[in-house]
Amino acid sequence: MNCQRLQSVMPDLLLDPSAVSAEDRAHLDVCPTCQQELAALEGTFALLDQWQAPEPSPYFDQKLTVRLREEQAMPPAGWFERLRSRLLFNTGRQFRPILAGAMAMVVLLGGGTYAGISTFSPLGQVEASATVNDLQILDRNAQDFQQMDQLLLQDDDSQDNAAPAVPPRS
């Protein structure tokens, strides 16, 4: 028999002796450690049976009423103190709808960003690819590119007509 098993059964042995098996009783008769433990528990239960709860003071109700009136007469606490007391002493039932709404917004925004729908485009309008956007930019700026090409051609012609900067060696 294991002493740890009997220690877990000892409260049952004190409260309802008929619920303990014969094997547990046989171990208790043989083991002095378990006998001492049982005697200590019996002494504790005997002291608890003798204990009497103290009677409240005859003026308890009057003192409580005076303290309640004093608390009611005090000026109300500031908004920070009210918020602090609400957070410390509240069950949180008022905050549950707010918390649920905030979590729903986080899920929607997070899911929308992940899905690539963070930019809300009007219905029926399809976004073009980057290549199509680049070609559209080239079409819009075609005149500017033609002017730049003409300037570059003029610059090349002027360099061809110019005299060489270094005379040839003889």
Foldseek 3Di string as FASTA:
>chain_A
DDLVVLVVCLVVCVPPVVVDDPVSVVVCVVDPVSVVVSVVVVVVVVVVVPDDDDDDDPCVVVVVVVVVVVVVPDDDDDPVVVVVCCVVPPPCPVVVVVVVVVVVVVVVCVVCVVVVCPDPDDPPDDDDDPVVVVVVVCVVCVVVVVVVVVVVVVVVVVVVPDDDPDDDDD
